[in-house]
Structures are given as structure tokens and as C-alpha cells.
């Protein structure tokens, strides 16, 4: 199977999740706007979600996958099963203790860690504490699910892990629809959403658990013990968790800072939801597929294939994300107005969220490149270097956020995030080149400027088109007219970009069809067939 097909498999599941996520956010915006309950729910949900990204997805997709794949190669499926059971026993015990401690400490955590700005509003503070207590067990479910997703990725079974998050959005959409039908007030909606998050965690865990069993590994519970394999995992996982969750670290810190201004937390969340579509569909798909593929190539000593995997992945991600970044930069306000401006979501909220989204557009290529560069370190079992760079990125983010937030509010925090992201990209890329882990690739170096030029011309065309058709995209215009106009602009922009990208030589059919295919040795091919 070619890399592009594997990217497509993961991206299709992620795309489904993002589409349902848009629907969820549209309903939430109408029901809650950027009011106090929206701030409380978003702050409360971000806390377990951040821990999930740090200590589950970041750690296990970065540290667990190479070790699990190594067990399969050395000791077959029986060795992989034994290793996964050892890890499961330790992980389950740690998560149980962590959940109990966090639940008991929630008032303290909300006041001093999650949202200290809420302490001046007793009702918002109390709501945030209660909602966070309901939702925090979601962390345990999703951490165990992340481990099993890593197992599935190593076994080349990508779809179940990619599609499981869809059910979070489906359940929350159901909660919002029921609340609308019954006429619930904002606080009741917040509680309903919190219980929905908890239920979704159980459903997602069940989906990947069943998929792992169907893949031939039935995980049993073992008494938690620090075996050599588990110790190796923990040594790799701690820095990998920090590195893989750098975006989440910044988001948690920024939530803390933004809590000082009413509506800022929700404005950041709504903008984040929109830019997560291209980031998730392209960036996460590439990172998920690239790590096990790169690990396999390096273990077999095929350095040429490893370099080709890295270069083609960067080429492919930029090919798809540069036009998305350009569109977010010049069309943010019509996009936000179409998606969110109804009910409690006012025109003023549209302008604030649109400003944040435009800034995120400038950082989109950086966040995607981070996901393409980091596997180059993790596949070599180097999790320390990216962790150090992540720490530098956090320091840049915090410094700029504290400086800019009093002046520009939510837009200042968004600016801090993207600057920190680009700093991280530069450090990662320079180190890969300096260590000779990134070979010079002439096709890549010649295509990137042409792709940037194609995206810039497309952005200029979109800018003038939105000005010319502004009367059809304004508030008060029927929803169908706005949706049709915006959809037409997006289609026209895609035609222009792809025509320019291929016409200028930034892309060609070979790049899409051939360069992303794995040129694997016969032994590696046989290993893959056996695993599948």
C-alpha cells in the first residue's frame, strides 16, 4: 500500500471527525455563544484533553509504536502481546491513581492552573469545577484507547483508530439536539455536554479494544511491574509526551492567560476548531503513518528509503496545507460568519474569532511541519532533543502571550502560538540537517517556492473576490446564499491553486502517484503482508 493511500485512510477518519466537530461547534455557538457557560465548558474540557494529548497520544504514538513494532519483529505476535499487557497493567494503575487525585484537587486546579481568571466570578468558577470533575475520567478512557491505537497503527490497521473520535462529536451533537428540543438553559446544556464527553470516552475505548482483538491480540490485565521493556518505554515516553503535546501545553497555558478576559477562552476554541480541519486531516494523518514507516525503514538499515519518506511527506503536506493557510488568512471572517454567527453568537464575536483564525492561518504550515519533522527523531529513539525544543517553544509562547494579551486580547495569544510554532520548526529542521538525518532533495527545494507562489496568487484572487462579493457574504444575507457564495469561492480557489501548482512545476502527477509509494525491500514487503 502506498503512503498516500495510508494517509488517505487516516485522513478520511479524521475528516469525518472534523466535519462532525464543525457541526457540534455550530450548535454550541448557537446555544452558548461566547458566554460564561461556554467559557466554563471549554476550560474544563481542555484540562483532561490536554493530559490526553500529553501523556496518551504524544507518549504512545511516539514511544510505544517503535518499541511495539520492534517486539513484533523480534518475538512475533506473542512477544507483542506480552509487552502490551505489561504496559496496560502499569498504565491502568497510573491512570486510576491520577484520576482520583485530580478529582479531589479540582477546585485548587481550576483556581490556580486551569482558569485563575474565573476565580473572580463565583458562578463561572463553580461551574468549571463541576464540569471538570464530570469530564476528567475521559482522560483514562482515551489514554488506554491511545495505547491501542498505537498497536493498530503498528499492525497497519489505521481506520478504527482514526474513526473512533467521530463518536465524541456524534454524541455531543445528540446532546445539543436534545437540549434544543427540550428547551434547556445554558447551564443544563453544559452539564449535558460534560456527561456526553464521559460517555464518548467509553465508546471510543470500546471501538479500539474490539479492533485490537480482531487484529489478533486479546489484552489481559497483568499485575503492574516495571519490566525492562516498560522502563524503556517510560524513559522514551516522558520527553515524547512533552514534545508530542507541545501544542496542547501552549493551549493550556493560553487558556490560563485568556481566562482573565470574558469570552477570550471560547474565541480561541472556536478558531482552533476551524484550523484543526486542515491540521488534522493532513498533519495528523502524515504523523500517524510516517512514524511506523520511518521506524521500519531505519531498523532495516534503508537510509535512502527513510530520507525519501521524510522528503515526500513534507512535500505532500505543504502541497495541501499552503492553500488552506492562504484561505484562512484572507477569508476568515466569511468562514466564521457562516459557521457560527447565529443564536447567541454575535457579529462582534465573529470579528474577534475571525481575527484569531486569520493569525492561525499563518501558523498552519508550521504546525503541520512539526508533525512531519518529529518522527525523524522519534524513529531513532531520540525523544530528548524534540523535548528541549518544545521547552524553548513554550518559553517563547508564554513570554509573547503575557506581553501581547493585555494589548490584543485573544489575537495576541494566537500570535504567540504561531511564533512559538515557527521557532520549533526551525530548531527541528536545522538539527535534522546538522545531524545529516535530512539529505538535500533538489525536487523538494525547487517545488516549495513554486507552491508558495501558487498559494500567494490564489490568496490575492480570493481577497479581491471576497471584496467584490462582500454583499453576498454579509450578516443578514440568507444562509443558503452565503453558503453557496462561499462554496463557489472555495471551489474556484482550488481550481486556481492546483492549476498554478501543476503549471508552475510545484507539483506533478509523479509526485502524487509514484513518489509516495514505498520502495521496500523484499523482506520488508513480506513482513507487511504477514502483518496485514
Protein backbone atom coordinates (compact mmCIF):
# COMPACT_ATOMS: atom_id res chain seq x y z
CA UNK A 1 0.00 0.00 0.00
CA UNK A 2 1.41 3.43 -0.92
CA UNK A 3 1.96 6.12 1.67
CA UNK A 4 -0.67 8.28 0.00
CA UNK A 5 -3.26 5.53 0.49
CA UNK A 6 -2.32 5.20 4.15
CA UNK A 7 -2.50 8.98 4.56
CA UNK A 8 -5.92 8.86 2.91
CA UNK A 9 -7.13 6.10 5.25
CA UNK A 10 -6.22 8.06 8.37
CA UNK A 11 -7.28 11.37 6.86
CA UNK A 12 -10.72 10.06 5.92
CA UNK A 13 -11.46 9.11 9.53
CA UNK A 14 -10.06 12.41 10.78
CA UNK A 15 -12.07 14.30 8.17
CA UNK A 16 -15.26 12.64 9.36
CA UNK A 17 -14.43 13.66 12.92
CA UNK A 18 -13.68 17.25 11.90
CA UNK A 19 -16.90 17.58 9.88
CA UNK A 20 -18.97 16.35 12.81
CA UNK A 21 -16.84 18.61 15.01
CA UNK A 22 -17.85 21.61 12.91
CA UNK A 23 -21.49 20.65 13.30
CA UNK A 24 -21.01 20.35 17.05
CA UNK A 25 -19.33 23.74 17.32
CA UNK A 26 -22.03 25.39 15.20
CA UNK A 27 -24.69 24.06 17.56
CA UNK A 28 -22.64 25.03 20.62
CA UNK A 29 -22.10 28.53 19.25
CA UNK A 30 -25.84 28.94 18.75
CA UNK A 31 -26.65 27.56 22.20
CA UNK A 32 -23.86 29.11 24.28
CA UNK A 33 -22.11 31.78 22.16
CA UNK A 34 -19.00 33.03 23.94
CA UNK A 35 -20.83 33.43 27.25
CA UNK A 36 -19.85 32.23 30.75
CA UNK A 37 -21.09 28.64 30.32
CA UNK A 38 -19.16 28.32 27.04
CA UNK A 39 -16.01 29.58 28.77
CA UNK A 40 -16.57 27.19 31.70
CA UNK A 41 -17.15 24.13 29.50
CA UNK A 42 -14.25 24.86 27.15
CA UNK A 43 -11.83 25.47 30.02
CA UNK A 44 -12.99 22.35 31.87
CA UNK A 45 -12.78 20.15 28.77
CA UNK A 46 -9.37 21.44 27.78
CA UNK A 47 -7.85 20.14 31.02
CA UNK A 48 -8.43 16.37 30.51
CA UNK A 49 -7.97 16.84 26.77
CA UNK A 50 -4.53 18.35 27.34
CA UNK A 51 -3.48 15.49 29.60
CA UNK A 52 -4.74 13.06 26.98
CA UNK A 53 -2.56 14.64 24.29
CA UNK A 54 0.47 14.89 26.58
CA UNK A 55 0.51 11.52 28.32
CA UNK A 56 -1.51 9.39 25.92
CA UNK A 57 -1.33 10.30 22.24
CA UNK A 58 2.03 12.09 22.44
CA UNK A 59 3.73 9.43 24.52
CA UNK A 60 2.32 6.29 22.97
CA UNK A 61 2.29 7.29 19.32
CA UNK A 62 5.89 8.43 19.72
CA UNK A 63 7.47 6.00 22.19
CA UNK A 64 5.19 2.96 22.26
CA UNK A 65 4.89 2.43 18.48
CA UNK A 66 8.63 1.87 17.73
CA UNK A 67 9.00 -0.47 20.75
CA UNK A 68 5.84 -2.41 19.92
CA UNK A 69 6.95 -2.78 16.30
CA UNK A 70 10.36 -3.99 17.49
CA UNK A 71 8.68 -6.64 19.67
CA UNK A 72 6.73 -7.88 16.66
CA UNK A 73 9.94 -8.23 14.64
CA UNK A 74 11.94 -9.92 17.39
CA UNK A 75 9.38 -12.11 19.18
CA UNK A 76 6.35 -12.18 16.92
CA UNK A 77 2.75 -11.54 17.98
CA UNK A 78 3.20 -13.43 21.27
CA UNK A 79 6.00 -11.08 22.34
CA UNK A 80 3.98 -8.05 21.26
CA UNK A 81 1.00 -9.29 23.29
CA UNK A 82 3.15 -9.79 26.39
CA UNK A 83 4.66 -6.31 26.02
CA UNK A 84 1.26 -4.66 25.54
CA UNK A 85 -0.13 -6.41 28.63
CA UNK A 86 2.82 -5.23 30.72
CA UNK A 87 2.25 -1.67 29.56
CA UNK A 88 -1.52 -1.91 30.03
CA UNK A 89 -1.15 -3.01 33.66
CA UNK A 90 1.12 -0.08 34.52
CA UNK A 91 -0.87 2.45 32.52
CA UNK A 92 -4.22 1.44 34.00
CA UNK A 93 -2.88 1.67 37.56
CA UNK A 94 -1.27 5.09 36.99
CA UNK A 95 -4.42 6.45 35.36
CA UNK A 96 -6.63 5.24 38.19
CA UNK A 97 -4.45 6.95 40.82
CA UNK A 98 -4.13 10.12 38.70
CA UNK A 99 -7.89 10.37 38.21
CA UNK A 100 -8.62 10.05 41.92
CA UNK A 101 -6.02 12.70 42.84
CA UNK A 102 -7.21 15.13 40.15
CA UNK A 103 -10.87 14.74 41.05
CA UNK A 104 -10.16 15.57 44.69
CA UNK A 105 -7.92 18.50 43.73
CA UNK A 106 -10.17 20.04 41.08
CA UNK A 107 -11.16 23.25 42.95
CA UNK A 108 -7.49 24.02 43.57
CA UNK A 109 -6.55 23.19 39.96
CA UNK A 110 -9.25 25.40 38.45
CA UNK A 111 -8.32 28.30 40.71
CA UNK A 112 -4.57 28.17 40.15
CA UNK A 113 -3.88 26.13 36.97
CA UNK A 114 -6.80 25.89 34.55
CA UNK A 115 -8.52 29.27 34.74
CA UNK A 116 -7.41 31.56 37.58
CA UNK A 117 -9.29 34.42 35.92
CA UNK A 118 -12.58 32.66 36.75
CA UNK A 119 -11.96 32.98 40.50
CA UNK A 120 -13.47 36.47 40.42
CA UNK A 121 -16.76 35.07 39.10
CA UNK A 122 -18.09 32.55 41.69
CA UNK A 123 -20.74 31.11 39.37
CA UNK A 124 -18.33 30.56 36.46
CA UNK A 125 -15.72 29.14 38.84
CA UNK A 126 -18.17 26.68 40.41
CA UNK A 127 -19.47 25.59 37.02
CA UNK A 128 -15.96 24.97 35.72
CA UNK A 129 -15.07 22.84 38.76
CA UNK A 130 -18.20 20.69 38.46
CA UNK A 131 -17.90 20.23 34.71
CA UNK A 132 -14.22 19.29 35.01
CA UNK A 133 -15.00 16.70 37.70
CA UNK A 134 -17.56 15.06 35.40
CA UNK A 135 -15.23 15.03 32.40
CA UNK A 136 -11.83 14.15 33.85
CA UNK A 137 -12.33 10.32 33.74
CA UNK A 138 -12.42 10.83 29.95
CA UNK A 139 -8.62 11.04 30.26
CA UNK A 140 -8.33 7.45 31.48
CA UNK A 141 -10.53 6.10 28.69
CA UNK A 142 -8.69 7.99 25.96
CA UNK A 143 -5.23 7.15 27.31
CA UNK A 144 -5.99 3.44 27.13
CA UNK A 145 -7.55 3.99 23.70
CA UNK A 146 -4.40 5.81 22.54
CA UNK A 147 -2.26 2.83 23.51
CA UNK A 148 -4.47 0.50 21.48
CA UNK A 149 -4.49 2.95 18.58
CA UNK A 150 -0.69 2.77 18.56
CA UNK A 151 -0.92 -1.02 18.39
CA UNK A 152 -3.34 -0.83 15.47
CA UNK A 153 -1.09 1.63 13.60
CA UNK A 154 1.87 -0.69 14.03
CA UNK A 155 -0.24 -3.52 12.60
CA UNK A 156 -1.17 -1.33 9.58
CA UNK A 157 -4.80 -1.08 10.72
CA UNK A 158 -5.36 2.65 10.69
CA UNK A 159 -9.09 3.16 10.18
CA UNK A 160 -10.58 2.14 13.55
CA UNK A 161 -8.24 4.45 15.48
CA UNK A 162 -8.93 7.31 13.05
CA UNK A 163 -12.71 6.94 13.06
CA UNK A 164 -13.19 6.43 16.83
CA UNK A 165 -13.03 10.20 17.65
CA UNK A 166 -16.07 10.72 15.38
CA UNK A 167 -18.24 9.32 18.15
CA UNK A 168 -17.34 12.11 20.56
CA UNK A 169 -18.83 14.61 18.14
CA UNK A 170 -21.84 12.41 17.31
CA UNK A 171 -22.73 12.04 20.98
CA UNK A 172 -22.30 15.76 21.71
CA UNK A 173 -24.41 16.67 18.66
CA UNK A 174 -27.11 14.37 20.04
CA UNK A 175 -26.88 16.09 23.44
CA UNK A 176 -27.20 19.54 21.84
CA UNK A 177 -30.13 18.46 19.65
CA UNK A 178 -31.94 17.01 22.67
CA UNK A 179 -31.25 20.17 24.71
CA UNK A 180 -32.68 22.32 21.90
CA UNK A 181 -35.76 20.09 21.61
CA UNK A 182 -36.39 20.25 25.37
CA UNK A 183 -35.55 23.95 25.66
CA UNK A 184 -32.78 23.55 28.24
CA UNK A 185 -30.98 26.63 29.54
CA UNK A 186 -27.24 27.21 29.02
CA UNK A 187 -26.13 25.63 32.31
CA UNK A 188 -28.15 22.46 31.66
CA UNK A 189 -26.57 22.28 28.20
CA UNK A 190 -23.12 22.50 29.80
CA UNK A 191 -23.84 19.61 32.16
CA UNK A 192 -25.31 17.54 29.34
CA UNK A 193 -22.22 18.09 27.21
CA UNK A 194 -19.95 17.07 30.10
CA UNK A 195 -21.75 13.76 30.62
CA UNK A 196 -21.66 13.30 26.84
CA UNK A 197 -17.86 13.64 26.86
CA UNK A 198 -17.63 10.96 29.55
CA UNK A 199 -19.87 8.59 27.57
CA UNK A 200 -17.88 9.23 24.38
CA UNK A 201 -14.66 8.19 26.11
CA UNK A 202 -16.16 4.79 26.94
CA UNK A 203 -17.46 4.34 23.39
CA UNK A 204 -14.11 5.23 21.78
CA UNK A 205 -12.26 2.85 24.10
CA UNK A 206 -14.67 0.04 23.19
CA UNK A 207 -14.14 0.62 19.45
CA UNK A 208 -10.34 0.32 19.50
CA UNK A 209 -10.45 -2.51 22.07
CA UNK A 210 -12.60 -4.57 19.69
CA UNK A 211 -10.36 -3.65 16.74
CA UNK A 212 -7.25 -4.85 18.61
CA UNK A 213 -8.96 -8.15 19.42
CA UNK A 214 -9.92 -8.54 15.77
CA UNK A 215 -6.28 -7.90 14.86
CA UNK A 216 -5.31 -10.98 16.88
CA UNK A 217 -4.23 -9.53 20.24
CA UNK A 218 -6.51 -10.06 23.24
CA UNK A 219 -5.07 -7.92 26.03
CA UNK A 220 -5.35 -9.31 29.54
CA UNK A 221 -4.61 -7.50 32.79
CA UNK A 222 -1.21 -8.15 34.37
CA UNK A 223 -0.05 -7.01 37.77
CA UNK A 224 1.81 -3.72 37.20
CA UNK A 225 5.56 -4.32 37.14
CA UNK A 226 8.46 -2.19 35.91
CA UNK A 227 9.90 -4.73 33.48
CA UNK A 228 12.89 -3.71 31.30
CA UNK A 229 10.55 -3.05 28.38
CA UNK A 230 8.25 -0.88 30.48
CA UNK A 231 11.23 1.06 31.88
CA UNK A 232 12.48 1.69 28.36
CA UNK A 233 9.03 2.90 27.37
CA UNK A 234 8.84 5.28 30.32
CA UNK A 235 12.30 6.68 29.55
CA UNK A 236 11.19 7.44 26.00
CA UNK A 237 7.61 8.39 26.82
CA UNK A 238 8.19 11.27 29.21
CA UNK A 239 10.03 13.54 26.77
CA UNK A 240 7.89 12.22 23.91
CA UNK A 241 4.75 13.19 25.80
CA UNK A 242 6.01 16.73 26.30
CA UNK A 243 7.16 17.02 22.69
CA UNK A 244 4.10 15.45 21.11
CA UNK A 245 1.83 17.61 23.21
CA UNK A 246 3.60 20.94 22.69
CA UNK A 247 0.54 22.46 21.07
CA UNK A 248 -1.57 21.29 23.99
CA UNK A 249 0.90 22.71 26.52
CA UNK A 250 0.65 26.06 24.81
CA UNK A 251 -3.14 25.84 24.66
CA UNK A 252 -3.41 25.05 28.38
CA UNK A 253 -1.11 27.95 29.27
CA UNK A 254 -3.01 30.23 26.92
CA UNK A 255 -6.33 29.18 28.45
CA UNK A 256 -4.92 30.16 31.82
CA UNK A 257 -3.92 33.59 30.49
CA UNK A 258 -7.10 34.11 28.43
CA UNK A 259 -9.36 33.39 31.41
CA UNK A 260 -8.68 36.96 32.57
CA UNK A 261 -10.94 38.32 29.80
CA UNK A 262 -14.57 37.32 29.26
CA UNK A 263 -15.13 35.40 26.04
CA UNK A 264 -11.43 35.02 25.17
CA UNK A 265 -11.26 31.32 26.02
CA UNK A 266 -14.23 30.47 23.81
CA UNK A 267 -12.97 32.70 20.97
CA UNK A 268 -9.71 30.74 20.88
CA UNK A 269 -11.57 27.42 20.96
CA UNK A 270 -13.90 28.30 18.07
CA UNK A 271 -10.97 29.48 15.91
CA UNK A 272 -8.98 26.40 16.89
CA UNK A 273 -11.83 24.17 15.71
CA UNK A 274 -11.71 25.64 12.19
CA UNK A 275 -7.96 25.47 11.69
CA UNK A 276 -7.87 21.95 13.14
CA UNK A 277 -9.59 20.71 9.97
CA UNK A 278 -6.56 21.02 7.65
CA UNK A 279 -4.16 20.36 10.53
CA UNK A 280 -5.96 17.16 11.48
CA UNK A 281 -6.71 15.84 8.03
CA UNK A 282 -3.16 16.38 6.70
CA UNK A 283 -0.78 16.83 9.63
CA UNK A 284 -2.08 14.15 11.98
CA UNK A 285 -2.54 11.67 9.13
CA UNK A 286 1.06 12.14 8.00
CA UNK A 287 2.47 11.90 11.53
CA UNK A 288 0.43 8.77 12.31
CA UNK A 289 1.59 6.93 9.20
CA UNK A 290 5.14 8.29 8.95
CA UNK A 291 6.39 7.17 12.40
CA UNK A 292 5.91 3.39 12.00
CA UNK A 293 7.03 3.54 8.35
CA UNK A 294 10.17 5.52 9.19
CA UNK A 295 10.95 3.28 12.17
CA UNK A 296 10.73 0.22 9.93
CA UNK A 297 12.99 1.73 7.28
CA UNK A 298 15.66 2.70 9.81
CA UNK A 299 15.60 -0.68 11.54
CA UNK A 300 16.21 -2.37 8.19
CA UNK A 301 19.13 -0.01 7.53
CA UNK A 302 17.48 1.52 4.48
CA UNK A 303 18.59 5.13 4.93
CA UNK A 304 17.70 6.06 1.36
CA UNK A 305 14.09 5.00 1.88
CA UNK A 306 13.96 6.84 5.22
CA UNK A 307 15.14 10.07 3.57
CA UNK A 308 12.64 9.62 0.75
CA UNK A 309 9.80 9.06 3.23
CA UNK A 310 10.63 12.28 5.06
CA UNK A 311 11.03 14.41 1.95
CA UNK A 312 7.93 13.16 0.20
CA UNK A 313 5.87 13.62 3.39
CA UNK A 314 6.95 17.26 3.73
CA UNK A 315 6.29 17.83 0.04
CA UNK A 316 2.82 16.34 0.28
CA UNK A 317 1.83 18.20 3.46
CA UNK A 318 2.92 21.57 2.07
CA UNK A 319 1.14 20.87 -1.22
CA UNK A 320 -2.15 20.57 0.69
CA UNK A 321 -1.70 22.96 3.61
CA UNK A 322 -0.29 26.08 1.90
CA UNK A 323 -3.58 26.83 0.08
CA UNK A 324 -5.54 26.14 3.28
CA UNK A 325 -3.33 28.59 5.19
CA UNK A 326 -3.79 31.24 2.49
CA UNK A 327 -7.57 30.78 2.50
CA UNK A 328 -7.79 31.10 6.30
CA UNK A 329 -5.73 34.28 6.13
CA UNK A 330 -7.95 36.12 3.63
CA UNK A 331 -11.38 34.51 4.18
CA UNK A 332 -11.54 34.08 7.93
CA UNK A 333 -14.48 36.42 8.56
CA UNK A 334 -16.89 34.92 5.95
CA UNK A 335 -15.95 31.43 7.18
CA UNK A 336 -16.62 32.23 10.84
CA UNK A 337 -19.83 34.10 10.00
CA UNK A 338 -21.18 31.15 8.01
CA UNK A 339 -20.24 28.52 10.57
CA UNK A 340 -21.06 30.22 13.86
CA UNK A 341 -22.96 33.52 13.63
CA UNK A 342 -26.44 32.63 14.86
CA UNK A 343 -28.29 32.47 18.15
CA UNK A 344 -26.04 33.66 20.98
CA UNK A 345 -23.04 34.12 18.65
CA UNK A 346 -22.99 37.85 17.78
CA UNK A 347 -21.35 39.80 14.91
CA UNK A 348 -18.83 41.16 17.42
CA UNK A 349 -17.88 37.59 18.34
CA UNK A 350 -17.49 36.84 14.62
CA UNK A 351 -14.92 39.62 14.20
CA UNK A 352 -12.90 38.52 17.22
CA UNK A 353 -12.84 34.84 16.23
CA UNK A 354 -12.06 35.75 12.59
CA UNK A 355 -9.01 37.77 13.67
CA UNK A 356 -7.73 34.80 15.68
CA UNK A 357 -8.41 32.39 12.81
CA UNK A 358 -6.51 34.55 10.30
CA UNK A 359 -3.48 34.52 12.59
CA UNK A 360 -3.76 30.74 12.98
CA UNK A 361 -3.67 30.52 9.18
CA UNK A 362 -0.14 31.96 9.23
CA UNK A 363 0.91 29.23 11.66
CA UNK A 364 -0.79 26.29 9.94
CA UNK A 365 2.27 25.24 7.85
CA UNK A 366 4.41 25.34 10.98
CA UNK A 367 2.13 23.07 13.00
CA UNK A 368 1.98 20.59 10.09
CA UNK A 369 5.76 20.63 9.55
CA UNK A 370 6.32 19.90 13.24
CA UNK A 371 4.31 16.71 12.82
CA UNK A 372 6.37 15.79 9.75
CA UNK A 373 9.77 16.53 11.36
CA UNK A 374 9.32 14.96 14.81
CA UNK A 375 9.09 11.34 13.55
CA UNK A 376 12.64 11.81 12.23
CA UNK A 377 13.76 12.00 15.88
CA UNK A 378 11.33 9.55 17.47
CA UNK A 379 12.00 6.80 14.91
CA UNK A 380 15.67 6.94 16.04
CA UNK A 381 14.51 6.73 19.69
CA UNK A 382 15.67 10.30 20.32
CA UNK A 383 12.87 11.91 22.31
CA UNK A 384 15.07 14.25 24.34
CA UNK A 385 16.05 16.69 21.57
CA UNK A 386 12.47 17.50 20.49
CA UNK A 387 11.56 17.87 24.18
CA UNK A 388 14.23 20.55 24.62
CA UNK A 389 12.96 22.38 21.54
CA UNK A 390 9.41 22.04 22.85
CA UNK A 391 10.55 23.71 26.08
CA UNK A 392 12.04 26.59 24.08
CA UNK A 393 8.80 26.89 22.16
CA UNK A 394 6.75 27.03 25.36
CA UNK A 395 9.02 29.75 26.76
CA UNK A 396 8.57 31.81 23.59
CA UNK A 397 4.81 31.29 23.70
CA UNK A 398 4.42 32.26 27.36
CA UNK A 399 6.61 35.35 27.02
CA UNK A 400 4.78 36.65 23.97
CA UNK A 401 1.32 35.72 25.29
CA UNK A 402 1.87 37.62 28.53
CA UNK A 403 3.21 40.58 26.54
CA UNK A 404 0.57 40.71 23.81
CA UNK A 405 -2.60 39.63 25.64
CA UNK A 406 -3.11 42.90 27.53
CA UNK A 407 -2.91 44.77 24.19
CA UNK A 408 -4.57 42.45 21.65
CA UNK A 409 -6.54 40.01 23.85
CA UNK A 410 -7.23 36.66 22.10
CA UNK A 411 -5.41 37.75 18.92
CA UNK A 412 -2.26 38.35 20.99
CA UNK A 413 -2.37 34.79 22.30
CA UNK A 414 -2.84 33.41 18.79
CA UNK A 415 0.18 35.40 17.62
CA UNK A 416 2.26 33.94 20.45
CA UNK A 417 1.22 30.42 19.46
CA UNK A 418 2.24 30.73 15.81
CA UNK A 419 5.58 32.41 16.57
CA UNK A 420 6.36 29.61 19.02
CA UNK A 421 5.38 27.07 16.36
CA UNK A 422 7.73 28.52 13.75
CA UNK A 423 10.59 28.65 16.28
CA UNK A 424 10.04 24.94 16.93
CA UNK A 425 10.04 24.16 13.19
CA UNK A 426 13.33 26.00 12.61
CA UNK A 427 15.05 24.21 15.50
CA UNK A 428 13.82 20.76 14.42
CA UNK A 429 14.77 21.22 10.78
CA UNK A 430 18.21 22.71 11.50
CA UNK A 431 19.05 19.82 13.82
CA UNK A 432 17.95 17.16 11.31
CA UNK A 433 20.16 18.78 8.66
CA UNK A 434 23.09 19.27 11.05
CA UNK A 435 22.98 15.58 12.06
CA UNK A 436 22.77 14.58 8.39
CA UNK A 437 19.39 12.96 9.03
CA UNK A 438 17.88 15.14 6.30
CA UNK A 439 19.52 14.85 2.92
CA UNK A 440 19.38 17.60 0.31
CA UNK A 441 16.48 16.93 -2.04
CA UNK A 442 16.57 19.05 -5.20
CA UNK A 443 12.95 18.32 -6.29
CA UNK A 444 11.70 19.37 -2.84
CA UNK A 445 13.81 22.57 -2.79
CA UNK A 446 12.59 23.61 -6.23
CA UNK A 447 8.92 22.79 -5.63
CA UNK A 448 8.39 24.60 -2.33
CA UNK A 449 8.90 28.18 -3.71
CA UNK A 450 6.55 27.37 -6.58
CA UNK A 451 3.89 26.07 -4.22
CA UNK A 452 4.23 29.24 -2.12
CA UNK A 453 3.84 31.38 -5.25
CA UNK A 454 0.75 29.42 -6.33
CA UNK A 455 -0.81 29.83 -2.87
CA UNK A 456 0.02 33.59 -2.83
CA UNK A 457 -1.62 34.19 -6.23
CA UNK A 458 -4.66 32.21 -5.11
CA UNK A 459 -4.86 34.27 -1.89
CA UNK A 460 -4.73 37.53 -3.85
CA UNK A 461 -7.56 36.34 -6.08
CA UNK A 462 -9.63 35.30 -3.05
CA UNK A 463 -9.05 38.65 -1.38
CA UNK A 464 -10.42 40.63 -4.31
CA UNK A 465 -13.25 38.15 -4.89
CA UNK A 466 -14.46 38.41 -1.28
CA UNK A 467 -14.36 42.21 -1.54
CA UNK A 468 -16.36 42.11 -4.78
CA UNK A 469 -18.91 39.61 -3.42
CA UNK A 470 -18.96 41.04 0.09
CA UNK A 471 -22.65 41.95 -0.14
CA UNK A 472 -23.46 38.24 -0.58
CA UNK A 473 -21.37 37.19 2.44
CA UNK A 474 -22.58 39.83 4.93
CA UNK A 475 -24.67 39.32 8.06
CA UNK A 476 -28.39 39.20 7.34
CA UNK A 477 -28.00 37.55 3.94
CA UNK A 478 -29.86 34.20 3.79
CA UNK A 479 -27.75 31.26 4.92
CA UNK A 480 -28.13 29.40 1.62
CA UNK A 481 -26.87 32.42 -0.35
CA UNK A 482 -23.83 32.83 1.91
CA UNK A 483 -23.06 29.10 1.83
CA UNK A 484 -23.36 28.96 -1.97
CA UNK A 485 -21.18 32.02 -2.46
CA UNK A 486 -18.50 30.83 -0.06
CA UNK A 487 -18.56 27.33 -1.52
CA UNK A 488 -18.17 28.73 -5.04
CA UNK A 489 -15.20 30.82 -3.94
CA UNK A 490 -13.55 27.79 -2.34
CA UNK A 491 -14.02 25.69 -5.49
CA UNK A 492 -12.68 28.49 -7.71
CA UNK A 493 -9.68 28.92 -5.38
CA UNK A 494 -8.94 25.18 -5.54
CA UNK A 495 -9.04 25.22 -9.34
CA UNK A 496 -6.71 28.24 -9.46
CA UNK A 497 -4.25 26.80 -6.94
CA UNK A 498 -4.00 23.33 -8.44
CA UNK A 499 -3.71 24.75 -11.96
CA UNK A 500 -0.90 27.05 -10.82
CA UNK A 501 0.81 24.36 -8.72
CA UNK A 502 0.98 21.97 -11.65
CA UNK A 503 1.58 24.69 -14.22
CA UNK A 504 4.50 26.25 -12.33
CA UNK A 505 6.05 22.85 -11.61
CA UNK A 506 5.32 22.87 -7.89
CA UNK A 507 3.56 19.54 -8.28
CA UNK A 508 3.23 16.84 -10.90
CA UNK A 509 1.45 13.56 -11.36
CA UNK A 510 4.60 11.63 -10.48
CA UNK A 511 4.78 13.35 -7.10
CA UNK A 512 1.30 12.20 -6.27
CA UNK A 513 1.34 8.71 -7.80
CA UNK A 514 4.91 7.45 -7.61
CA UNK A 515 6.99 9.40 -5.12
CA UNK A 516 4.73 8.48 -2.20
CA UNK A 517 4.96 4.76 -2.89
CA UNK A 518 7.17 2.77 -0.62
CA UNK A 519 10.13 1.23 -2.42
CA UNK A 520 10.61 -1.53 0.06
CA UNK A 521 12.94 -4.47 0.12
CA UNK A 522 11.50 -7.93 -0.45
CA UNK A 523 11.88 -8.89 3.19
CA UNK A 524 10.03 -5.79 4.35
CA UNK A 525 7.25 -6.47 1.86
CA UNK A 526 6.88 -9.95 3.24
CA UNK A 527 6.70 -8.59 6.79
CA UNK A 528 3.93 -6.20 5.82
CA UNK A 529 1.90 -8.91 4.08
CA UNK A 530 2.15 -11.10 7.15
CA UNK A 531 1.07 -8.25 9.45
CA UNK A 532 -1.87 -7.33 7.26
